[in-house]
Amino acid sequence: MTSQDIIEKLKQESSEKYKANVIKMGVPEENSIGVPTSQLRTIAKEIGKSNEIAYELWNSGYHDAKLLAVLVFEVKKLSFQDIDQLMNDVISWDLCNFICKQMIMKRKDYDDFIEQWIDLNHVYKKRAAFVLIGSAVIKNKTITHDTLDQYLYLIQTHLDCDHEHVKKAVSYALREIGKKDFEYNEKVLLMVDEMLRTQNKTQVWIARDVKKELENVVEAKGRERLISRQSKMGES
């Protein structure tokens, strides 16, 4: 199956309703086909892993093809520079998150991406740094206090971007750290209280978003992390 065959298959699987949702995220209509992620995963399994095909899909310009490419890439054969170059083309939060969770978090060097990208002005590289922090806290079951404290320090010293997609990622990172256990719940809540006192518009927005969830967390039987009280109430 060639990359062109795959693009044709994507067009056959398109949904106008899904395409409309993608366009609302800021993806240009001419770059959107409208294929649900669940269907992309099915197609990816049919293709298998191939960096050659993945790059051809990525370079097609279609948003859906780029999402599919993320699933097709042989991640361990890519360098930091390869992935950095891919991120230069990202113009939406969903593709940014997909690269983080489906590619970078499957590598051992994900902290390198956090450290390199968190200082940048590129919106989606900066967003990715915070998404990776939140994802690492969830995935790494043996994460140390030193690493968590370093993540908090990185967040606290990089609160200067007021872009909506970055602010939401900062909130995500802080909320995931705050759900690690009650010790880190308290640390994050103290941090956001300080952010509220700054009266800085960006920091206040993030702090309120974080506090709304972390003030209502509980322990749940069989769960390693804290969950929201509302989630526990919804358990059957």
Protein backbone atom coordinates (compact mmCIF):
# COMPACT_ATOMS: atom_id res chain seq x y z
CA MET A 1 0.00 0.00 0.00
CA THR A 2 1.53 3.32 -1.09
CA SER A 3 1.09 6.60 0.74
CA GLN A 4 -1.23 7.77 -2.04
CA ASP A 5 -3.35 4.64 -1.61
CA ILE A 6 -3.53 5.42 2.11
CA ILE A 7 -4.62 9.03 1.47
CA GLU A 8 -7.39 7.73 -0.79
CA LYS A 9 -8.46 5.32 1.93
CA LEU A 10 -8.58 8.18 4.43
CA LYS A 11 -10.83 10.15 2.10
CA GLN A 12 -13.17 7.16 1.86
CA GLU A 13 -13.36 6.99 5.67
CA SER A 14 -14.00 10.71 6.13
CA SER A 15 -16.81 12.15 8.23
CA GLU A 16 -18.11 15.66 7.56
CA LYS A 17 -19.14 16.00 11.21
CA TYR A 18 -15.68 15.04 12.43
CA LYS A 19 -14.06 17.28 9.82
CA ALA A 20 -16.11 20.24 11.09
CA ASN A 21 -14.81 19.63 14.63
CA VAL A 22 -11.22 19.54 13.41
CA ILE A 23 -11.67 22.81 11.52
CA LYS A 24 -12.97 24.40 14.75
CA MET A 25 -9.61 23.58 16.33
CA GLY A 26 -7.92 25.82 13.79
CA VAL A 27 -6.86 23.28 11.16
CA PRO A 28 -7.45 24.75 7.67
CA GLU A 29 -10.30 23.07 5.81
CA GLU A 30 -8.08 22.22 2.85
CA ASN A 31 -5.77 20.27 5.19
CA SER A 32 -8.51 18.29 6.90
CA ILE A 33 -10.04 15.05 5.68
CA GLY A 34 -12.10 14.22 8.77
CA VAL A 35 -11.16 10.70 9.92
CA PRO A 36 -11.82 9.74 13.59
CA THR A 37 -8.77 8.72 15.60
CA SER A 38 -10.21 5.24 16.23
CA GLN A 39 -10.27 4.63 12.48
CA LEU A 40 -6.73 5.98 12.10
CA ARG A 41 -5.56 3.41 14.65
CA THR A 42 -7.17 0.62 12.64
CA ILE A 43 -5.52 1.81 9.44
CA ALA A 44 -2.16 2.15 11.20
CA LYS A 45 -2.30 -1.52 12.19
CA GLU A 46 -2.91 -2.46 8.56
CA ILE A 47 0.11 -0.40 7.43
CA GLY A 48 2.57 -1.47 10.11
CA LYS A 49 5.66 0.53 11.10
CA SER A 50 7.57 2.36 8.38
CA ASN A 51 9.43 5.65 8.63
CA GLU A 52 9.42 5.97 4.85
CA ILE A 53 5.62 5.80 4.61
CA ALA A 54 5.19 7.89 7.75
CA TYR A 55 7.25 10.75 6.29
CA GLU A 56 5.30 10.58 3.03
CA LEU A 57 2.04 10.80 4.97
CA TRP A 58 3.37 13.64 7.10
CA ASN A 59 4.54 15.61 4.07
CA SER A 60 1.15 15.24 2.35
CA GLY A 61 -0.02 18.25 4.36
CA TYR A 62 -3.21 16.58 5.57
CA HIS A 63 -3.84 16.82 9.31
CA ASP A 64 -5.32 13.31 9.40
CA ALA A 65 -2.32 11.91 7.54
CA LYS A 66 0.01 13.50 10.09
CA LEU A 67 -1.91 11.89 12.96
CA LEU A 68 -1.67 8.57 11.14
CA ALA A 69 2.04 9.11 10.52
CA VAL A 70 2.59 9.46 14.27
CA LEU A 71 1.24 5.92 14.68
CA VAL A 72 3.32 4.56 11.79
CA PHE A 73 6.71 6.07 12.69
CA GLU A 74 9.40 3.73 14.03
CA VAL A 75 9.91 5.95 17.05
CA LYS A 76 13.16 4.45 18.32
CA LYS A 77 14.83 5.05 14.97
CA LEU A 78 14.12 8.79 15.09
CA SER A 79 16.54 11.28 16.61
CA PHE A 80 15.69 14.23 18.84
CA GLN A 81 16.26 16.46 15.81
CA ASP A 82 13.86 14.40 13.68
CA ILE A 83 11.03 14.86 16.17
CA ASP A 84 11.94 18.50 16.76
CA GLN A 85 11.58 19.08 13.03
CA LEU A 86 8.19 17.38 12.97
CA MET A 87 6.97 19.64 15.77
CA ASN A 88 7.84 22.67 13.63
CA ASP A 89 4.88 21.74 11.42
CA VAL A 90 2.34 21.38 14.25
CA ILE A 91 -0.50 23.93 14.31
CA SER A 92 -3.05 22.23 16.60
CA TRP A 93 -3.14 21.01 20.18
CA ASP A 94 -4.41 17.54 19.28
CA LEU A 95 -1.45 16.75 17.00
CA CYS A 96 0.90 18.16 19.62
CA ASN A 97 -0.58 15.88 22.29
CA PHE A 98 -0.55 12.90 19.93
CA ILE A 99 3.17 13.30 19.25
CA CYS A 100 3.85 13.60 22.98
CA LYS A 101 1.86 10.57 24.06
CA GLN A 102 2.26 8.26 21.07
CA MET A 103 5.89 8.99 20.22
CA ILE A 104 7.94 10.86 22.80
CA MET A 105 6.58 9.10 25.90
CA LYS A 106 7.61 5.79 24.33
CA ARG A 107 11.24 6.91 24.43
CA LYS A 108 13.62 6.96 27.38
CA ASP A 109 14.80 10.50 26.61
CA TYR A 110 11.46 12.29 27.04
CA ASP A 111 12.97 14.53 29.73
CA ASP A 112 15.35 15.93 27.11
CA PHE A 113 12.35 17.22 25.17
CA ILE A 114 10.94 18.84 28.32
CA GLU A 115 14.20 20.61 29.11
CA GLN A 116 14.83 21.74 25.53
CA TRP A 117 11.32 22.87 24.65
CA ILE A 118 10.07 24.54 27.83
CA ASP A 119 12.27 27.61 27.19
CA LEU A 120 11.11 28.12 23.62
CA ASN A 121 8.58 30.62 22.24
CA HIS A 122 7.22 28.06 19.75
CA VAL A 123 3.67 27.54 21.06
CA TYR A 124 3.39 23.80 20.49
CA LYS A 125 6.91 22.91 21.58
CA LYS A 126 6.27 24.83 24.78
CA ARG A 127 2.87 23.17 25.18
CA ALA A 128 4.50 19.79 24.56
CA ALA A 129 6.94 20.32 27.43
CA PHE A 130 4.06 20.68 29.90
CA VAL A 131 2.06 17.83 28.34
CA LEU A 132 5.12 15.61 28.72
CA ILE A 133 5.47 16.58 32.39
CA GLY A 134 1.88 15.59 33.09
CA SER A 135 2.21 12.39 31.07
CA ALA A 136 5.48 11.44 32.80
CA VAL A 137 3.90 11.83 36.24
CA ILE A 138 1.14 9.41 35.20
CA LYS A 139 3.32 6.89 33.35
CA ASN A 140 6.42 6.71 35.55
CA LYS A 141 5.34 4.60 38.52
CA THR A 142 8.74 4.99 40.20
CA ILE A 143 9.10 8.73 39.73
CA THR A 144 11.18 10.29 42.51
CA HIS A 145 10.45 13.30 44.69
CA ASP A 146 13.51 14.98 43.20
CA THR A 147 12.04 14.66 39.70
CA LEU A 148 8.63 15.90 40.82
CA ASP A 149 10.24 18.87 42.57
CA GLN A 150 12.26 19.62 39.44
CA TYR A 151 9.07 19.56 37.37
CA LEU A 152 7.43 21.99 39.80
CA TYR A 153 10.46 24.27 39.55
CA LEU A 154 10.36 24.18 35.75
CA ILE A 155 6.66 25.03 35.76
CA GLN A 156 7.04 27.82 38.30
CA THR A 157 9.81 29.45 36.27
CA HIS A 158 7.98 29.17 32.92
CA LEU A 159 4.58 30.73 33.53
CA ASP A 160 5.04 33.57 31.07
CA CYS A 161 3.07 32.35 28.03
CA ASP A 162 -0.54 33.50 27.83
CA HIS A 163 -1.47 31.39 24.79
CA GLU A 164 -4.59 29.37 25.57
CA HIS A 165 -3.07 26.08 24.43
CA VAL A 166 -0.03 26.59 26.65
CA LYS A 167 -2.01 27.72 29.71
CA LYS A 168 -4.19 24.61 29.52
CA ALA A 169 -1.11 22.39 29.31
CA VAL A 170 0.43 24.08 32.36
CA SER A 171 -2.81 23.41 34.25
CA TYR A 172 -2.74 19.79 33.12
CA ALA A 173 0.84 19.32 34.34
CA LEU A 174 0.12 20.86 37.74
CA ARG A 175 -3.09 18.88 38.20
CA GLU A 176 -1.36 15.60 37.42
CA ILE A 177 1.45 16.37 39.90
CA GLY A 178 -1.16 17.35 42.48
CA LYS A 179 -2.93 14.02 42.06
CA LYS A 180 0.25 12.04 42.73
CA ASP A 181 -0.46 11.94 46.48
CA PHE A 182 -1.56 14.27 49.27
CA GLU A 183 1.97 15.56 49.83
CA TYR A 184 2.17 16.86 46.26
CA ASN A 185 -1.45 17.91 46.34
CA GLU A 186 -0.52 20.28 49.15
CA LYS A 187 2.63 21.49 47.38
CA VAL A 188 0.72 22.34 44.22
CA LEU A 189 -2.10 24.04 46.11
CA LEU A 190 0.43 26.21 47.97
CA MET A 191 2.05 27.07 44.65
CA VAL A 192 -1.24 28.09 43.00
CA ASP A 193 -2.17 30.20 46.02
CA GLU A 194 1.05 32.14 45.40
CA MET A 195 0.09 32.44 41.73
CA LEU A 196 -3.29 33.89 42.67
CA ARG A 197 -1.61 36.56 44.77
CA THR A 198 0.48 37.76 41.82
CA GLN A 199 -2.67 39.11 40.13
CA ASN A 200 -0.99 38.17 36.86
CA LYS A 201 -3.81 37.35 34.44
CA THR A 202 -2.19 34.20 33.03
CA GLN A 203 -1.11 32.83 36.40
CA VAL A 204 -4.50 33.55 37.98
CA TRP A 205 -6.30 31.68 35.20
CA ILE A 206 -4.03 28.64 35.61
CA ALA A 207 -4.27 28.73 39.41
CA ARG A 208 -8.07 28.82 39.42
CA ASP A 209 -8.27 25.97 36.92
CA VAL A 210 -5.89 23.82 38.99
CA LYS A 211 -7.43 24.66 42.34
CA LYS A 212 -10.92 23.79 41.14
CA GLU A 213 -9.87 20.16 40.73
CA LEU A 214 -7.21 19.66 43.38
CA GLU A 215 -9.29 20.96 46.27
CA ASN A 216 -11.69 18.08 45.68
CA VAL A 217 -9.55 14.96 45.43
CA VAL A 218 -9.77 11.75 47.45
CA GLU A 219 -8.05 8.39 47.72
CA ALA A 220 -9.78 5.51 45.99
CA LYS A 221 -9.35 1.81 46.66
CA GLY A 222 -7.14 0.14 44.09
CA ARG A 223 -5.92 3.45 42.63
CA GLU A 224 -2.33 4.62 43.00
CA ARG A 225 -3.22 8.25 42.36
CA LEU A 226 -5.77 10.59 43.85
CA ILE A 227 -9.00 11.13 41.93
CA SER A 228 -11.62 13.85 42.02
CA ARG A 229 -14.40 13.39 44.55
CA GLN A 230 -16.87 13.68 41.68
CA SER A 231 -15.24 10.75 39.88
CA LYS A 232 -15.51 8.59 42.99
CA MET A 233 -19.20 9.49 43.39
CA GLY A 234 -19.72 8.27 39.86
CA GLU A 235 -18.28 4.82 40.59
CA SER A 236 -20.76 1.95 40.49
